[in-house]
Amino acid sequence: MQVKIGVIGPVDSVKRILEIGQQYETIEFVPFTYTVVDEVGRILKENKELVEQWFFSGQSPYYYAYERGWIRPEEAAFAPLQGSGFLGALLEGIFVESKIFKHASIDTLSDEAIKRNTSFYNLGDIKFTTFPYEGYKPMEGIVDFHIEAFEKGHTEIAFTCILAVRNELKKRGFPVYRIIPSDVSIMMVIELLEERIHTARYKQSQIVLLGVEAILSEEHTRNLPYSFRLKRQALLLHEILLSTAEVLHGSLMTLGDGLYFIYTTFGEIEEELQKGTIHLLMQQVEKQSGLQIRIGIGYGSTAMQAEQNVRRAFQHARQTDEPLLVLVDENEQIRLLESADSDVSYEHKNFGAEWGKLFTGASISPQTASKVHAYSIQYRKKAFTAQDVALWMKSTDRNGRRIVTELERLGLISLVGEEQLGGRGRRRKIYRFSQVLDTETIPN
């Protein structure tokens, strides 16, 4: 099956990449050329859906796009400059100018890379004036660097990695030569991008199980076999979930007692999570059927693993009677998806093999401790109170105090101070996680 890679850069660079790419029969290269780097934004916006990965001709256009948020590192790459490209430009300059140079100016490459290449090729007699940088730099500043080097007598010849800089210096009459990526470097990036595409396609087809469970009161449960009202509500819920399964291109299964599974794929569920469709499902069900639901999503490389993870998600969701959306991935990473653009992640096995043993006989579970720790990270609160914990866990102040008391007894948190709100009332105790957990995970 063919993959599509978009090649973006100046005409000569794109043409060279396409020529090297002819040997890859399973890859379709789609060329996008520009005259000035400002055109990159338009090209990406208009053609992002046409290709699966982007091959940028160099560092400059890549970081121009990346720094503006138009691409992510996992969907694009550029060919790094290697020693052969540096040596090729230097030899071209020597032969064309018929002169051995003692001073040269060079941009983009780091001092370490230049030193490594001059040492390897025994070019230590040439003194380089350098302009190293990371990311994107406007062409004007790089041109000014080379011109200043010529005017001060620091260089006899200029080497640049950017076509626009070469053209401008050449127009002004300076001897300038361009460093370009080697064939091997281009081939390595092509193979990297192809591998990324195949990995992403596999990930998109990964099995995902979306579980929906109606939150039933004791009265509901007691009257379950006899309640016509509940049966009507269940029919409405089934109809809504059938429409959801259609949107997800999935298969709906009814397991009874208000429990439903929808089998779908990673690509389908991720797209709907980003749109907020899954979050809206809880509101839609309550509005149309009067039932509240909890949703568990399980990822897995097999159907069995996905089902195990969706049941883990329900175990966490059942700790509250409120509607909740919990996702467990193939690594058992747990995410509490509170809204379409906000979630909290924690892991059941966050703190080593002794983690589970620590909670033997404890009045709280390892999951509860992991959640509190995750919330302290999300809200960037190294120091917190029992009231903070109650707010995070959507519980009463009494339950918040119970949790911090048990965490302190287990040695996971310690008392670091007290605070007084207003002139009267009980002083609030302030806690923080133990040094090991704190320094490893919570940002400053």
Foldseek 3Di string as FASTA:
>chain_A
DAAEEEEEEAPVLQVVLVVLCPVPPRYDYHYDYDDDLVCLLVCCVVCVVVHQAYEYQDQASVLVCVVVPSDDPLRYDYQDAALVLVVVQQVVLCVVVVDDWQAEEEEADDPVRVVVNCVVVVVVSHHYDYHHDHGHDDLVVVLVVRVVCVVVVRHQEYEYQHPVSQVVCVVVPGHYTYRGHDSVSSVVVVVVNVVSSVVVVLQQAFKKKKKKAWLDDPVCVVCVVPDPLVVVLVVVLVVLVVVVLVQQVWDWDDPDNRMIMTIHGPNSVVVCLLVQVVVVSQVVSCVPRVIGMAMEMATANDPVRNVVRSVVQVVVVVVDSHHWYWYQYHVRWIWTPPTSPDIWIFHLCHDHDCLQVLCVVFPDHSVLVRQVLRVCQVVLPQKDFLVVSCVSVVHDSVVSVSVVVRCVVSVQKDFDDWADDPDDDDITTIIGGDPVSCVVGHDD
